[in-house]
Amino acid sequence: MIDEPRKRRTASDDERKLFEQEFKQSRPLKVTMSTVAPRKKSAGHGPGGVNGATEERLRRGLIEPDARIDLHGMTQGMAHRTLFAWLSTAHNRGHRLVLVVTGKGNPKNDENAPWMMSDHGVLKQMVPRWLNEAELAALIAYTRPAHAKHGGDGALYVYLRKKA
């Protein structure tokens, strides 16, 4: 059985006049802004996340780290292996806040200095990347630069998730 194409319904003259009359009387919708402020999304909500109060205490340097590691003087490869093993151990021990000291790199920003002939500040650049790798990201709830009393730009707070 072959279906014939449906014919479009046409509007009657009365319907068309009514539409045009209503259309002329209509006004554009007014845009109104919501009076309720949108809620901020925190970077670390969830089972092992960081709430706003903890985040603020970290920002102010009011929480003392449970443990710290200083990666100064290590090669990139050695620092990578050490950091992975150390963070896993810290998590297994139930530590929540740990401090990872990377150093600040080139403190004088002197591009012509002798130590500038090789890569500088490598650990400062690489540690945040390593912390985002799948193995470590599963352990970490939050990271941020440390407060000045804990090393400032040359260190990172790493807030570990609770042990399962």
C-alpha atoms as a PDB file:
ATOM      1  CA  MET A   1       0.000   0.000   0.000  1.00  0.00           C
ATOM      2  CA  ILE A   2       1.488   3.339  -1.025  1.00  0.00           C
ATOM      3  CA  ASP A   3       0.843   6.359   1.173  1.00  0.00           C
ATOM      4  CA  GLU A   4       0.073   9.544  -0.672  1.00  0.00           C
ATOM      5  CA  PRO A   5       1.919  12.651   0.497  1.00  0.00           C
ATOM      6  CA  ARG A   6      -0.044  14.672   2.998  1.00  0.00           C
ATOM      7  CA  LYS A   7      -1.273  18.041   1.913  1.00  0.00           C
ATOM      8  CA  ARG A   8      -0.429  21.017   4.065  1.00  0.00           C
ATOM      9  CA  ARG A   9      -3.318  22.657   5.782  1.00  0.00           C
ATOM     10  CA  THR A  10      -3.818  26.256   4.758  1.00  0.00           C
ATOM     11  CA  ALA A  11      -5.022  28.913   7.161  1.00  0.00           C
ATOM     12  CA  SER A  12      -8.410  30.416   6.490  1.00  0.00           C
ATOM     13  CA  ASP A  13      -8.809  34.149   5.962  1.00  0.00           C
ATOM     14  CA  ASP A  14     -10.364  34.498   9.434  1.00  0.00           C
ATOM     15  CA  GLU A  15      -7.434  32.671  11.044  1.00  0.00           C
ATOM     16  CA  ARG A  16      -4.916  34.803   9.156  1.00  0.00           C
ATOM     17  CA  LYS A  17      -6.636  38.063  10.229  1.00  0.00           C
ATOM     18  CA  LEU A  18      -6.780  36.910  13.848  1.00  0.00           C
ATOM     19  CA  PHE A  19      -3.072  36.001  13.777  1.00  0.00           C
ATOM     20  CA  GLU A  20      -2.071  39.373  12.276  1.00  0.00           C
ATOM     21  CA  GLN A  21      -4.191  41.230  14.839  1.00  0.00           C
ATOM     22  CA  GLU A  22      -2.654  39.336  17.777  1.00  0.00           C
ATOM     23  CA  PHE A  23       0.834  39.665  16.331  1.00  0.00           C
ATOM     24  CA  LYS A  24       0.521  43.479  16.093  1.00  0.00           C
ATOM     25  CA  GLN A  25      -0.589  43.691  19.731  1.00  0.00           C
ATOM     26  CA  SER A  26       2.171  41.494  21.087  1.00  0.00           C
ATOM     27  CA  ARG A  27       5.221  42.953  22.812  1.00  0.00           C
ATOM     28  CA  PRO A  28       8.701  41.442  23.079  1.00  0.00           C
ATOM     29  CA  LEU A  29       9.467  39.510  26.234  1.00  0.00           C
ATOM     30  CA  LYS A  30      11.336  41.456  28.878  1.00  0.00           C
ATOM     31  CA  VAL A  31      14.641  39.967  29.935  1.00  0.00           C
ATOM     32  CA  THR A  32      14.874  39.737  33.691  1.00  0.00           C
ATOM     33  CA  MET A  33      17.967  38.783  35.612  1.00  0.00           C
ATOM     34  CA  SER A  34      17.719  36.314  38.431  1.00  0.00           C
ATOM     35  CA  THR A  35      18.008  37.882  41.864  1.00  0.00           C
ATOM     36  CA  VAL A  36      19.597  34.737  43.291  1.00  0.00           C
ATOM     37  CA  ALA A  37      23.387  34.745  43.030  1.00  0.00           C
ATOM     38  CA  PRO A  38      24.801  31.655  41.294  1.00  0.00           C
ATOM     39  CA  ARG A  39      26.610  29.230  43.568  1.00  0.00           C
ATOM     40  CA  LYS A  40      30.339  28.933  43.131  1.00  0.00           C
ATOM     41  CA  LYS A  41      31.609  25.514  42.234  1.00  0.00           C
ATOM     42  CA  SER A  42      34.481  24.459  44.418  1.00  0.00           C
ATOM     43  CA  ALA A  43      37.397  22.683  42.804  1.00  0.00           C
ATOM     44  CA  GLY A  44      37.343  19.760  45.191  1.00  0.00           C
ATOM     45  CA  HIS A  45      33.905  18.618  46.305  1.00  0.00           C
ATOM     46  CA  GLY A  46      33.276  14.932  46.689  1.00  0.00           C
ATOM     47  CA  PRO A  47      34.230  12.094  48.982  1.00  0.00           C
ATOM     48  CA  GLY A  48      37.827  13.219  49.457  1.00  0.00           C
ATOM     49  CA  GLY A  49      37.442  16.810  48.284  1.00  0.00           C
ATOM     50  CA  VAL A  50      38.229  20.078  50.015  1.00  0.00           C
ATOM     51  CA  ASN A  51      35.399  22.260  51.273  1.00  0.00           C
ATOM     52  CA  GLY A  52      35.523  26.047  51.192  1.00  0.00           C
ATOM     53  CA  ALA A  53      36.612  26.426  54.807  1.00  0.00           C
ATOM     54  CA  THR A  54      39.553  24.050  54.362  1.00  0.00           C
ATOM     55  CA  GLU A  55      40.519  25.757  51.112  1.00  0.00           C
ATOM     56  CA  GLU A  56      40.539  29.128  52.881  1.00  0.00           C
ATOM     57  CA  ARG A  57      42.637  27.776  55.774  1.00  0.00           C
ATOM     58  CA  LEU A  58      45.139  26.414  53.231  1.00  0.00           C
ATOM     59  CA  ARG A  59      45.271  29.752  51.444  1.00  0.00           C
ATOM     60  CA  ARG A  60      46.074  31.481  54.735  1.00  0.00           C
ATOM     61  CA  GLY A  61      48.643  28.881  55.774  1.00  0.00           C
ATOM     62  CA  LEU A  62      46.697  27.960  58.916  1.00  0.00           C
ATOM     63  CA  ILE A  63      46.999  24.193  58.482  1.00  0.00           C
ATOM     64  CA  GLU A  64      50.365  22.639  59.274  1.00  0.00           C
ATOM     65  CA  PRO A  65      51.404  19.927  56.760  1.00  0.00           C
ATOM     66  CA  ASP A  66      51.511  16.360  58.112  1.00  0.00           C
ATOM     67  CA  ALA A  67      54.686  15.638  56.135  1.00  0.00           C
ATOM     68  CA  ARG A  68      57.052  17.367  53.729  1.00  0.00           C
ATOM     69  CA  ILE A  69      59.490  16.396  51.015  1.00  0.00           C
ATOM     70  CA  ASP A  70      62.233  18.549  49.537  1.00  0.00           C
ATOM     71  CA  LEU A  71      63.098  17.687  45.927  1.00  0.00           C
ATOM     72  CA  HIS A  72      65.999  20.199  45.720  1.00  0.00           C
ATOM     73  CA  GLY A  73      69.113  18.812  44.113  1.00  0.00           C
ATOM     74  CA  MET A  74      67.403  15.773  42.573  1.00  0.00           C
ATOM     75  CA  THR A  75      67.439  15.009  38.900  1.00  0.00           C
ATOM     76  CA  GLN A  76      64.104  15.011  37.136  1.00  0.00           C
ATOM     77  CA  GLY A  77      63.979  11.210  36.959  1.00  0.00           C
ATOM     78  CA  MET A  78      64.978  10.736  40.586  1.00  0.00           C
ATOM     79  CA  ALA A  79      62.466  13.370  41.756  1.00  0.00           C
ATOM     80  CA  HIS A  80      59.694  11.708  39.749  1.00  0.00           C
ATOM     81  CA  ARG A  81      60.298   8.261  41.259  1.00  0.00           C
ATOM     82  CA  THR A  82      60.762   9.675  44.760  1.00  0.00           C
ATOM     83  CA  LEU A  83      57.588  11.775  44.584  1.00  0.00           C
ATOM     84  CA  PHE A  84      55.438   8.844  43.410  1.00  0.00           C
ATOM     85  CA  ALA A  85      56.717   6.532  46.154  1.00  0.00           C
ATOM     86  CA  TRP A  86      56.567   9.197  48.868  1.00  0.00           C
ATOM     87  CA  LEU A  87      53.002  10.329  48.067  1.00  0.00           C
ATOM     88  CA  SER A  88      51.794   6.719  47.991  1.00  0.00           C
ATOM     89  CA  THR A  89      53.380   6.116  51.397  1.00  0.00           C
ATOM     90  CA  ALA A  90      51.947   9.354  52.808  1.00  0.00           C
ATOM     91  CA  HIS A  91      48.466   8.373  51.607  1.00  0.00           C
ATOM     92  CA  ASN A  92      48.800   4.875  53.092  1.00  0.00           C
ATOM     93  CA  ARG A  93      49.816   6.415  56.419  1.00  0.00           C
ATOM     94  CA  GLY A  94      46.638   8.514  56.417  1.00  0.00           C
ATOM     95  CA  HIS A  95      48.284  11.909  55.923  1.00  0.00           C
ATOM     96  CA  ARG A  96      45.933  14.537  54.517  1.00  0.00           C
ATOM     97  CA  LEU A  97      48.089  17.620  53.860  1.00  0.00           C
ATOM     98  CA  VAL A  98      51.637  17.233  52.603  1.00  0.00           C
ATOM     99  CA  LEU A  99      54.119  19.816  51.389  1.00  0.00           C
ATOM    100  CA  VAL A 100      56.173  19.245  48.245  1.00  0.00           C
ATOM    101  CA  VAL A 101      59.131  21.646  47.991  1.00  0.00           C
ATOM    102  CA  THR A 102      60.322  22.124  44.417  1.00  0.00           C
ATOM    103  CA  GLY A 103      62.316  25.344  44.666  1.00  0.00           C
ATOM    104  CA  LYS A 104      61.644  28.534  42.775  1.00  0.00           C
ATOM    105  CA  GLY A 105      63.875  27.998  39.756  1.00  0.00           C
ATOM    106  CA  ASN A 106      65.796  31.105  38.702  1.00  0.00           C
ATOM    107  CA  PRO A 107      65.319  33.551  41.584  1.00  0.00           C
ATOM    108  CA  LYS A 108      66.912  36.540  39.855  1.00  0.00           C
ATOM    109  CA  ASN A 109      65.311  36.112  36.415  1.00  0.00           C
ATOM    110  CA  ASP A 110      68.738  36.797  34.930  1.00  0.00           C
ATOM    111  CA  GLU A 111      68.602  35.249  31.457  1.00  0.00           C
ATOM    112  CA  ASN A 112      72.380  35.687  30.937  1.00  0.00           C
ATOM    113  CA  ALA A 113      73.489  34.004  34.156  1.00  0.00           C
ATOM    114  CA  PRO A 114      75.718  30.893  33.841  1.00  0.00           C
ATOM    115  CA  TRP A 115      73.111  28.634  35.424  1.00  0.00           C
ATOM    116  CA  MET A 116      70.658  29.676  32.690  1.00  0.00           C
ATOM    117  CA  MET A 117      72.559  27.700  30.046  1.00  0.00           C
ATOM    118  CA  SER A 118      70.670  24.581  31.162  1.00  0.00           C
ATOM    119  CA  ASP A 119      67.019  24.111  32.030  1.00  0.00           C
ATOM    120  CA  HIS A 120      66.095  25.802  35.287  1.00  0.00           C
ATOM    121  CA  GLY A 121      63.059  25.442  37.479  1.00  0.00           C
ATOM    122  CA  VAL A 122      62.393  22.063  35.883  1.00  0.00           C
ATOM    123  CA  LEU A 123      60.911  20.538  39.037  1.00  0.00           C
ATOM    124  CA  LYS A 124      58.687  23.563  39.608  1.00  0.00           C
ATOM    125  CA  GLN A 125      57.282  23.026  36.107  1.00  0.00           C
ATOM    126  CA  MET A 126      57.114  19.236  36.160  1.00  0.00           C
ATOM    127  CA  VAL A 127      55.725  18.444  39.631  1.00  0.00           C
ATOM    128  CA  PRO A 128      52.226  19.858  38.880  1.00  0.00           C
ATOM    129  CA  ARG A 129      52.171  17.753  35.681  1.00  0.00           C
ATOM    130  CA  TRP A 130      53.172  14.626  37.596  1.00  0.00           C
ATOM    131  CA  LEU A 131      50.448  15.269  40.166  1.00  0.00           C
ATOM    132  CA  ASN A 132      47.879  15.212  37.345  1.00  0.00           C
ATOM    133  CA  GLU A 133      49.008  11.803  36.084  1.00  0.00           C
ATOM    134  CA  ALA A 134      46.395   9.075  36.636  1.00  0.00           C
ATOM    135  CA  GLU A 135      48.311   7.164  39.348  1.00  0.00           C
ATOM    136  CA  LEU A 136      48.714  10.203  41.588  1.00  0.00           C
ATOM    137  CA  ALA A 137      45.508  12.020  40.642  1.00  0.00           C
ATOM    138  CA  ALA A 138      43.552   9.176  42.240  1.00  0.00           C
ATOM    139  CA  LEU A 139      45.213   9.979  45.579  1.00  0.00           C
ATOM    140  CA  ILE A 140      44.930  13.763  45.408  1.00  0.00           C
ATOM    141  CA  ALA A 141      41.912  15.870  46.315  1.00  0.00           C
ATOM    142  CA  TYR A 142      43.442  19.335  45.828  1.00  0.00           C
ATOM    143  CA  THR A 143      46.707  21.145  45.138  1.00  0.00           C
ATOM    144  CA  ARG A 144      47.699  24.771  45.444  1.00  0.00           C
ATOM    145  CA  PRO A 145      50.836  26.882  45.884  1.00  0.00           C
ATOM    146  CA  ALA A 146      51.980  26.944  49.498  1.00  0.00           C
ATOM    147  CA  HIS A 147      51.635  29.903  51.825  1.00  0.00           C
ATOM    148  CA  ALA A 148      54.774  32.047  52.207  1.00  0.00           C
ATOM    149  CA  LYS A 149      55.562  30.545  55.631  1.00  0.00           C
ATOM    150  CA  HIS A 150      55.686  27.083  54.027  1.00  0.00           C
ATOM    151  CA  GLY A 151      57.763  28.017  50.990  1.00  0.00           C
ATOM    152  CA  GLY A 152      55.442  30.171  48.870  1.00  0.00           C
ATOM    153  CA  ASP A 153      56.015  29.816  45.126  1.00  0.00           C
ATOM    154  CA  GLY A 154      58.722  27.231  45.688  1.00  0.00           C
ATOM    155  CA  ALA A 155      56.364  24.686  47.267  1.00  0.00           C
ATOM    156  CA  LEU A 156      52.966  23.070  46.763  1.00  0.00           C
ATOM    157  CA  TYR A 157      50.314  21.952  49.194  1.00  0.00           C
ATOM    158  CA  VAL A 158      48.991  18.536  48.194  1.00  0.00           C
ATOM    159  CA  TYR A 159      45.763  17.624  49.965  1.00  0.00           C
ATOM    160  CA  LEU A 160      45.346  13.851  49.827  1.00  0.00           C
ATOM    161  CA  ARG A 161      42.048  12.001  49.660  1.00  0.00           C
ATOM    162  CA  LYS A 162      40.911   9.963  52.649  1.00  0.00           C
ATOM    163  CA  LYS A 163      41.956   6.341  52.646  1.00  0.00           C
ATOM    164  CA  ALA A 164      39.197   4.093  51.331  1.00  0.00           C
END
